[in-house]
Each structure stands twice: as C-alpha cells, then as structure tokens.
N, C-alpha and C. Protein backbone atom coordinates (compact mmCIF):
# COMPACT_ATOMS: atom_id res chain seq x y z
N ALA A 1 0.31 -1.41 0.03
CA ALA A 1 -0.21 0.18 -0.01
C ALA A 1 1.05 0.90 -0.09
N TRP A 2 0.73 2.37 -0.79
CA TRP A 2 1.21 3.67 -1.25
C TRP A 2 0.47 4.30 -0.50
N TYR A 3 0.91 5.16 -0.22
CA TYR A 3 0.42 6.73 0.45
C TYR A 3 1.43 7.84 -0.23
N ARG A 4 0.53 8.72 -0.33
CA ARG A 4 1.37 10.33 -0.08
C ARG A 4 1.26 11.31 1.41
N THR A 5 2.44 11.95 1.46
CA THR A 5 2.92 12.66 2.86
C THR A 5 2.39 14.45 2.54
N GLN A 6 1.40 14.59 3.26
CA GLN A 6 1.36 16.07 2.53
C GLN A 6 1.84 16.49 2.48
N SER A 7 2.69 17.01 3.54
CA SER A 7 4.02 18.20 3.67
C SER A 7 5.10 18.12 2.44
N THR A 8 5.32 16.50 1.70
CA THR A 8 6.30 16.87 0.49
C THR A 8 5.71 15.88 -0.28
N GLY A 9 4.37 15.16 -0.10
CA GLY A 9 3.51 14.42 -1.08
C GLY A 9 4.25 14.06 -2.13
N ALA A 10 6.01 13.77 -1.34
CA ALA A 10 6.42 12.30 -2.16
C ALA A 10 5.29 11.05 -1.20
N ALA A 11 5.46 9.84 -2.43
CA ALA A 11 4.90 8.88 -1.49
C ALA A 11 5.84 7.72 -1.26
N MET A 12 5.08 7.49 -0.52
CA MET A 12 6.04 6.01 0.69
C MET A 12 5.47 4.86 0.55
N ARG A 13 6.13 3.97 0.98
CA ARG A 13 5.49 2.28 1.12
C ARG A 13 5.03 1.99 2.23
N ARG A 14 3.62 1.64 2.92
CA ARG A 14 3.63 1.70 4.15
C ARG A 14 4.98 0.30 4.04
N THR A 15 4.94 0.25 5.68
CA THR A 15 6.14 -0.51 6.07
C THR A 15 5.12 -1.86 7.13
N VAL A 16 5.26 -3.10 8.19
CA VAL A 16 4.64 -3.66 9.13
C VAL A 16 6.04 -3.31 9.72
N ARG A 17 7.61 -3.07 9.74
CA ARG A 17 7.82 -2.77 10.94
C ARG A 17 8.52 -1.18 11.01
N PRO A 18 9.42 -0.98 12.02
CA PRO A 18 9.63 -0.01 12.27
C PRO A 18 10.61 0.76 11.39
N PHE A 19 11.46 1.67 11.12
CA PHE A 19 12.83 2.47 10.61
C PHE A 19 12.70 3.38 11.61
N VAL A 20 14.02 4.09 11.75
CA VAL A 20 15.02 4.91 12.04
C VAL A 20 16.09 5.51 10.96
N TRP A 21 16.17 6.46 10.47
CA TRP A 21 16.63 7.37 10.04
C TRP A 21 17.23 8.63 11.47
N VAL A 22 18.81 8.56 11.26
CA VAL A 22 20.11 9.75 11.64
C VAL A 22 19.53 10.84 11.20
N ARG A 23 19.50 11.89 12.16
CA ARG A 23 19.17 12.81 10.86
C ARG A 23 20.54 14.26 10.53
N THR A 24 21.27 14.02 12.33
CA THR A 24 22.65 14.24 12.29
C THR A 24 23.42 13.73 12.87
N GLY A 25 24.60 13.78 13.04
CA GLY A 25 25.67 12.81 13.61
C GLY A 25 26.43 11.36 13.25
N HIS A 26 25.51 11.60 11.80
CA HIS A 26 25.93 10.44 10.47
C HIS A 26 27.10 9.70 10.83
N SER A 27 28.27 10.48 10.93
CA SER A 27 29.87 9.97 11.19
C SER A 27 29.69 9.32 12.61
N ARG A 28 30.10 10.34 13.02
CA ARG A 28 30.21 9.89 14.74
C ARG A 28 28.80 8.42 15.14
N LEU A 29 27.96 7.54 14.38
CA LEU A 29 27.30 6.92 14.34
C LEU A 29 28.07 5.89 13.82
N ALA A 30 28.47 6.08 12.73
CA ALA A 30 29.49 4.99 11.68
C ALA A 30 30.56 4.48 12.00
N GLU A 31 31.51 5.70 12.86
CA GLU A 31 32.38 5.46 13.63
C GLU A 31 32.88 4.55 15.01
N ARG A 32 31.58 4.39 15.55
CA ARG A 32 31.08 3.94 17.05
C ARG A 32 30.44 2.42 16.44
N CYS A 33 29.44 2.31 14.97
CA CYS A 33 28.84 1.14 14.66
C CYS A 33 29.27 0.83 13.50
N GLU A 34 30.76 -0.16 13.39
CA GLU A 34 31.26 -0.33 12.21
C GLU A 34 30.13 -1.45 11.68
N MET A 35 29.73 -2.36 12.26
CA MET A 35 28.67 -3.30 12.01
C MET A 35 27.44 -2.64 11.29
N TYR A 36 27.26 -1.54 10.92
CA TYR A 36 26.19 -0.27 9.85
C TYR A 36 26.63 -0.79 8.90
N GLY A 37 28.50 -0.99 9.00
CA GLY A 37 28.20 -0.18 7.45
C GLY A 37 28.64 0.89 7.53
N THR A 38 28.81 1.79 6.54
CA THR A 38 28.28 2.74 5.71
C THR A 38 27.00 3.58 5.39
N ILE A 39 26.92 4.65 6.92
CA ILE A 39 25.20 5.18 6.66
C ILE A 39 24.79 6.28 5.76
N ASP A 40 23.90 6.12 5.64
CA ASP A 40 23.42 7.20 4.31
C ASP A 40 22.85 7.65 5.00
N ARG A 41 22.26 9.24 4.37
CA ARG A 41 21.54 9.59 5.08
C ARG A 41 19.89 9.80 4.86
N ASP A 42 20.27 8.86 3.56
CA ASP A 42 18.43 8.83 2.83
C ASP A 42 18.18 7.18 3.09
N SER A 43 19.04 6.25 3.74
CA SER A 43 18.66 5.29 4.23
C SER A 43 18.46 4.66 5.94
N PRO A 44 17.50 4.04 6.10
CA PRO A 44 17.89 4.17 7.63
C PRO A 44 18.63 3.17 8.02
N ILE A 45 18.69 2.98 8.87
CA ILE A 45 19.67 2.67 9.69
C ILE A 45 19.14 0.92 10.47
N ASP A 46 19.78 -0.14 9.86
CA ASP A 46 19.03 -0.93 10.21
C ASP A 46 20.37 -1.92 11.61
N LEU A 47 19.11 -1.17 12.73
CA LEU A 47 18.69 -1.75 13.99
C LEU A 47 18.57 -3.49 14.13
N ASN A 48 19.68 -3.45 15.07
CA ASN A 48 19.43 -4.94 15.94
C ASN A 48 17.89 -5.13 16.32
N SER A 49 17.21 -4.47 16.80
CA SER A 49 16.22 -4.16 17.58
C SER A 49 15.08 -4.07 16.34
N ILE A 50 15.32 -3.82 15.17
CA ILE A 50 13.88 -3.16 14.51
C ILE A 50 14.47 -4.42 13.04
N THR A 51 15.65 -5.57 13.48
CA THR A 51 15.79 -6.88 12.70
C THR A 51 14.78 -7.60 13.05
N ARG A 52 15.21 -8.08 14.71
CA ARG A 52 13.99 -8.75 15.51
C ARG A 52 12.57 -8.39 15.43
N TYR A 53 12.42 -7.14 14.60
CA TYR A 53 10.98 -6.46 15.37
C TYR A 53 9.73 -7.78 15.30
N MET A 54 9.68 -7.99 14.26
CA MET A 54 8.89 -9.46 13.53
C MET A 54 8.54 -10.77 13.94
N VAL A 55 10.12 -10.85 15.04
CA VAL A 55 10.33 -12.14 15.55
C VAL A 55 10.06 -12.11 17.11
N ASP A 56 10.59 -10.82 17.13
CA ASP A 56 10.21 -10.51 18.68
C ASP A 56 9.63 -9.89 19.00
N ASP A 57 9.55 -10.15 20.63
CA ASP A 57 8.24 -8.93 21.12
C ASP A 57 9.37 -7.95 21.57
N ILE A 58 9.39 -7.01 20.27
CA ILE A 58 10.65 -5.69 20.84
C ILE A 58 9.53 -4.29 20.22
N SER A 59 9.74 -3.55 21.35
CA SER A 59 8.86 -2.65 21.61
C SER A 59 9.64 -0.84 21.02
N ILE A 60 9.26 0.28 21.31
CA ILE A 60 9.65 1.27 20.81
C ILE A 60 10.69 1.75 21.65
N TRP A 61 10.48 0.85 23.00
CA TRP A 61 11.43 1.31 23.91
C TRP A 61 12.34 0.55 23.96
N ASP A 62 12.71 -0.74 23.26
CA ASP A 62 13.98 -1.31 22.62
C ASP A 62 14.48 -0.71 21.93
N ILE A 63 13.90 -0.29 20.48
CA ILE A 63 14.76 0.95 19.48
C ILE A 63 15.31 1.99 20.21
N ILE A 64 14.39 2.50 21.36
CA ILE A 64 15.42 3.59 21.59
C ILE A 64 16.60 3.24 22.90
N ALA A 65 16.31 2.26 23.60
CA ALA A 65 17.39 1.69 24.25
C ALA A 65 18.34 1.84 23.43
N GLU A 66 18.35 0.97 21.83
CA GLU A 66 19.68 0.74 21.33
C GLU A 66 20.29 1.79 20.59
N LEU A 67 19.37 2.78 20.21
CA LEU A 67 20.33 4.20 20.11
C LEU A 67 20.84 4.86 21.19
N VAL A 68 20.11 4.65 22.56
CA VAL A 68 21.15 5.19 23.37
C VAL A 68 22.23 4.43 23.97
N LEU A 69 22.72 3.04 23.62
CA LEU A 69 23.65 2.23 24.27
C LEU A 69 24.65 2.90 22.69
N LEU A 70 24.34 2.83 21.83
CA LEU A 70 25.14 2.72 21.06
C LEU A 70 25.62 4.18 20.11
N THR A 71 24.67 5.43 20.85
CA THR A 71 25.52 6.54 20.41
C THR A 71 26.04 7.27 22.38
N THR A 72 26.23 6.39 23.38
CA THR A 72 26.65 7.23 23.93
C THR A 72 28.03 6.21 25.04
N GLU A 73 28.73 7.39 25.44
CA GLU A 73 30.19 7.19 25.41
C GLU A 73 30.32 7.44 27.13
N PRO A 74 30.03 6.18 27.78
CA PRO A 74 30.33 4.71 27.90
C PRO A 74 29.02 4.62 27.90
N PRO A 75 28.36 3.15 27.25
CA PRO A 75 27.05 3.24 27.11
C PRO A 75 26.98 2.81 28.47
N PRO A 76 25.48 3.56 29.25
CA PRO A 76 24.92 3.46 30.38
C PRO A 76 24.47 2.05 30.74
N ALA A 77 24.97 1.54 32.30
CA ALA A 77 24.55 0.37 32.44
C ALA A 77 22.39 0.58 32.10
N ASN A 78 21.95 1.79 32.35
CA ASN A 78 20.61 2.40 31.51
C ASN A 78 20.47 3.48 30.74
N PRO A 79 19.92 2.78 29.51
CA PRO A 79 19.72 4.03 28.92
C PRO A 79 18.37 5.09 29.01
N PHE A 80 18.12 4.54 30.34
CA PHE A 80 16.74 5.61 30.41
C PHE A 80 16.72 6.15 31.72
N ASP A 81 18.12 6.15 31.86
CA ASP A 81 18.76 7.02 33.07
C ASP A 81 18.39 8.42 33.07
N ILE A 82 18.06 9.21 34.12
CA ILE A 82 17.60 10.30 33.58
C ILE A 82 18.59 11.37 34.68
N ASP A 83 18.90 12.77 33.47
CA ASP A 83 20.37 13.35 34.30
C ASP A 83 19.85 14.45 35.02
N HIS A 84 19.69 14.48 36.39
CA HIS A 84 19.25 15.25 36.89
C HIS A 84 19.79 16.17 36.90
N THR A 85 21.48 16.18 37.30
CA THR A 85 22.00 17.87 36.81
C THR A 85 21.57 18.40 35.91
N TYR A 86 21.13 18.06 34.67
CA TYR A 86 20.54 19.07 33.76
C TYR A 86 19.29 19.48 34.24
N LEU A 87 18.43 18.51 34.60
CA LEU A 87 17.06 19.22 35.16
C LEU A 87 17.39 20.77 36.22
N ASP A 88 18.74 20.11 37.21
CA ASP A 88 18.91 21.10 38.53
C ASP A 88 19.18 23.05 37.41
N ASN A 89 19.98 23.02 36.65
CA ASN A 89 20.39 23.81 35.83
C ASN A 89 19.25 24.51 34.73
N GLN A 90 18.40 24.21 34.98
CA GLN A 90 16.99 24.52 33.99
C GLN A 90 16.19 25.52 35.11
N SER A 91 15.43 26.31 34.25
CA SER A 91 14.65 27.02 35.10
C SER A 91 13.42 26.66 35.15
N SER A 92 12.17 26.83 36.46
CA SER A 92 11.48 25.88 36.77
C SER A 92 10.65 25.99 36.09
N ASP A 93 10.31 26.53 35.09
CA ASP A 93 9.63 26.46 34.06
C ASP A 93 9.59 24.86 33.24
N VAL A 94 10.91 25.62 32.54
CA VAL A 94 11.49 24.40 32.03
C VAL A 94 11.36 22.72 32.68
N GLN A 95 11.34 23.03 33.64
CA GLN A 95 11.79 21.76 34.60
C GLN A 95 10.07 21.43 35.02
N ALA A 96 9.67 21.69 35.24
CA ALA A 96 7.67 21.37 35.20
C ALA A 96 7.84 20.89 33.90
N LEU A 97 7.88 21.75 33.14
CA LEU A 97 7.92 20.73 31.11
C LEU A 97 8.05 19.67 31.06
N THR A 98 9.07 19.29 31.47
CA THR A 98 10.08 18.37 31.18
C THR A 98 9.61 17.60 31.62
N THR A 99 9.91 17.59 33.24
CA THR A 99 9.41 16.75 34.52
C THR A 99 8.10 15.47 34.22
N GLY A 100 7.29 16.59 33.59
CA GLY A 100 6.22 16.02 32.90
C GLY A 100 5.88 15.06 32.06
N SER A 101 6.41 15.74 30.80
CA SER A 101 7.28 14.54 30.07
C SER A 101 7.81 13.35 29.83
N LEU A 102 8.96 13.97 30.81
CA LEU A 102 9.63 12.46 31.35
C LEU A 102 8.73 11.42 32.17
N LEU A 103 8.31 12.32 32.78
CA LEU A 103 6.95 11.26 33.89
C LEU A 103 6.12 10.06 33.01
N HIS A 104 5.80 10.79 32.30
CA HIS A 104 4.80 10.17 30.78
C HIS A 104 5.40 8.79 30.21
N SER A 105 6.57 8.95 29.56
CA SER A 105 7.29 8.12 29.08
C SER A 105 7.94 7.61 30.44
N LEU A 106 8.26 7.82 30.91
CA LEU A 106 8.70 6.44 32.09
C LEU A 106 7.62 5.54 32.52
N ASN A 107 6.46 6.06 32.52
CA ASN A 107 4.87 5.19 33.44
C ASN A 107 4.44 4.38 32.07
N ALA A 108 4.91 4.67 30.97
CA ALA A 108 4.30 4.44 29.59
C ALA A 108 5.54 3.12 29.68
N LEU A 109 6.84 3.03 29.76
CA LEU A 109 7.66 2.28 29.96
C LEU A 109 7.12 1.28 30.35
N MET A 110 6.96 1.37 32.03
CA MET A 110 7.10 0.98 33.29
C MET A 110 5.51 -0.40 33.27
N SER A 111 4.80 0.58 32.32
CA SER A 111 3.33 -0.74 32.10
C SER A 111 3.24 -1.39 31.24
N MET A 112 4.64 -1.16 30.28
CA MET A 112 4.96 -3.20 29.67
C MET A 112 5.82 -3.38 30.23
N ASP A 113 5.33 -5.01 29.68
CA ASP A 113 6.78 -5.97 29.97
C ASP A 113 7.82 -6.37 29.46
N SER A 114 8.84 -5.08 30.29
CA SER A 114 10.35 -4.68 29.52
C SER A 114 11.34 -5.15 30.18
N VAL A 115 12.30 -5.52 29.61
CA VAL A 115 13.37 -6.13 30.09
C VAL A 115 14.17 -4.32 30.79
N TRP A 116 13.84 -3.19 30.85
CA TRP A 116 14.60 -1.39 30.71
C TRP A 116 13.46 -1.02 31.81
N ALA A 117 12.27 -1.74 32.24
CA ALA A 117 11.46 -1.80 33.78
C ALA A 117 11.63 -1.98 35.00
N THR A 118 12.68 -0.96 35.50
CA THR A 118 13.11 -1.76 36.98
C THR A 118 13.00 -0.22 38.06
N ALA A 119 13.59 -0.85 38.86
CA ALA A 119 13.94 -0.60 40.01
C ALA A 119 14.24 1.33 39.99
N ASP A 120 15.41 0.95 38.98
CA ASP A 120 16.27 2.62 38.63
C ASP A 120 14.96 3.06 38.27
N ILE A 121 13.89 2.95 37.62
CA ILE A 121 13.23 3.71 36.93
C ILE A 121 11.91 3.73 37.84
N LEU A 122 11.75 3.13 38.73
CA LEU A 122 10.91 3.67 39.33
C LEU A 122 11.53 4.66 40.85
N ARG A 123 12.56 4.25 40.68
CA ARG A 123 13.47 5.62 42.09
C ARG A 123 13.26 6.84 40.85
N ASP A 124 13.62 7.12 39.60
CA ASP A 124 13.61 8.01 39.17
C ASP A 124 12.05 8.63 38.92
N ILE A 125 11.07 7.72 38.37
CA ILE A 125 9.86 8.45 38.58
C ILE A 125 9.37 9.08 39.75
N LYS A 126 9.98 8.20 41.10
CA LYS A 126 9.37 9.06 42.15
C LYS A 126 10.01 10.57 42.48
N HIS A 127 11.23 10.20 42.20
CA HIS A 127 11.99 11.53 42.61
C HIS A 127 11.60 12.54 40.94
N LEU A 128 11.54 12.55 40.20
CA LEU A 128 10.65 13.31 39.19
C LEU A 128 9.20 13.58 39.67
N ALA A 129 8.92 13.45 39.94
CA ALA A 129 6.93 13.57 40.60
C ALA A 129 6.82 14.13 41.62
N LEU A 130 8.57 14.04 42.86
CA LEU A 130 8.82 15.55 43.21
C LEU A 130 9.02 16.44 43.12
N ARG A 131 9.73 16.38 41.56
CA ARG A 131 10.45 18.05 41.82
C ARG A 131 9.19 18.63 40.36
N HIS A 132 8.54 18.22 39.97
CA HIS A 132 7.39 18.24 39.20
C HIS A 132 6.26 19.36 39.82
N VAL A 133 5.71 17.89 40.97
CA VAL A 133 4.73 19.15 41.95
C VAL A 133 6.03 20.07 42.60
N HIS A 134 6.51 20.25 42.86
CA HIS A 134 7.38 21.35 43.73
C HIS A 134 7.15 22.66 42.44
N THR A 135 8.09 22.30 41.14
CA THR A 135 8.12 23.58 40.08
C THR A 135 6.65 23.81 39.21
N LEU A 136 5.55 23.10 39.74
CA LEU A 136 4.41 23.59 39.15
C LEU A 136 3.63 24.57 39.22
N PRO A 137 3.67 25.19 40.21
CA PRO A 137 3.19 26.44 40.62
C PRO A 137 4.38 28.06 39.68
N SER A 138 5.26 27.49 39.41
CA SER A 138 6.12 28.11 38.53
C SER A 138 5.16 28.39 36.44
N LEU A 139 4.47 27.60 36.44
CA LEU A 139 4.02 27.42 35.56
C LEU A 139 2.64 28.83 35.44
N GLU A 140 2.20 28.71 37.09
CA GLU A 140 0.62 29.87 37.06
C GLU A 140 1.19 31.38 36.94
N SER A 141 2.83 31.39 37.05
CA SER A 141 2.74 32.74 37.12
C SER A 141 3.59 33.61 35.77
C-alpha cells in the first residue's frame, strides 16, 4: 500500500516494521557502529532491535535503548537513566514541562513488560514526581 505525505507530496510505502533515520551525527554513529557499515542519510539504520521486530516482542523502548547504547560513551547500564544535573540547571518552568514529559514516558515504559522496567526507573519516577509537583506553581506565574 502506498500513501502520499501531505508536507512533501512524496510517495512512501507503508511497512509493517519501524525504520530509524538519523538526522545529524551520521559520521559519529558510523564510527561507533562498524557493524552498520556505511550510513547513508537517505537510508534507515538497520538496528538489531528492528531486525528482530517481526520475530521477537520488540517495542519502541527497545529501539530507543539500542540507539542510546550505541551513541553514548561509555554506554550506560540503564539507557533511560535521567540526568538530574541537567534538570537542576533549568528554569522552574522548563523543569515543570520536562519532568511532566519524562514522567509520562517513564510511566509508559513501566506499564509494559520490558527488560528496561527496573527499580532504577521507579526511583527516577519518584524523584521526577516530587520535582514536578514542586515546580508546577512556576507555570501559573
């Protein structure tokens, strides 16, 4: 089945598996991921999680985790670990919006039967919830 995109008018084929394109940092990803060969801006990256998508129970969280593990040096033990230092350095209104978004995403992750749904994620959810409630009043002013 083909469909036409509204923004460009380009025709694209609908598929049953996801694809990932990297918009920036192609050379950095190629250096770190020799197994992916040449990364072409116009071609999707053939991630292991996407290759296994039709065979195994792969979710968007597995794809995100693989990208984080591939692009972070050193690779983190938990690809969904929250950088609280980043939040500390943001204004209250940015913290309120960011923590709300992160809470929504991490709660969605926890609601799935995923290898990434760990006690570390629960700890971050608790910490983010407290920060979120504390910074919400900044949105009113």
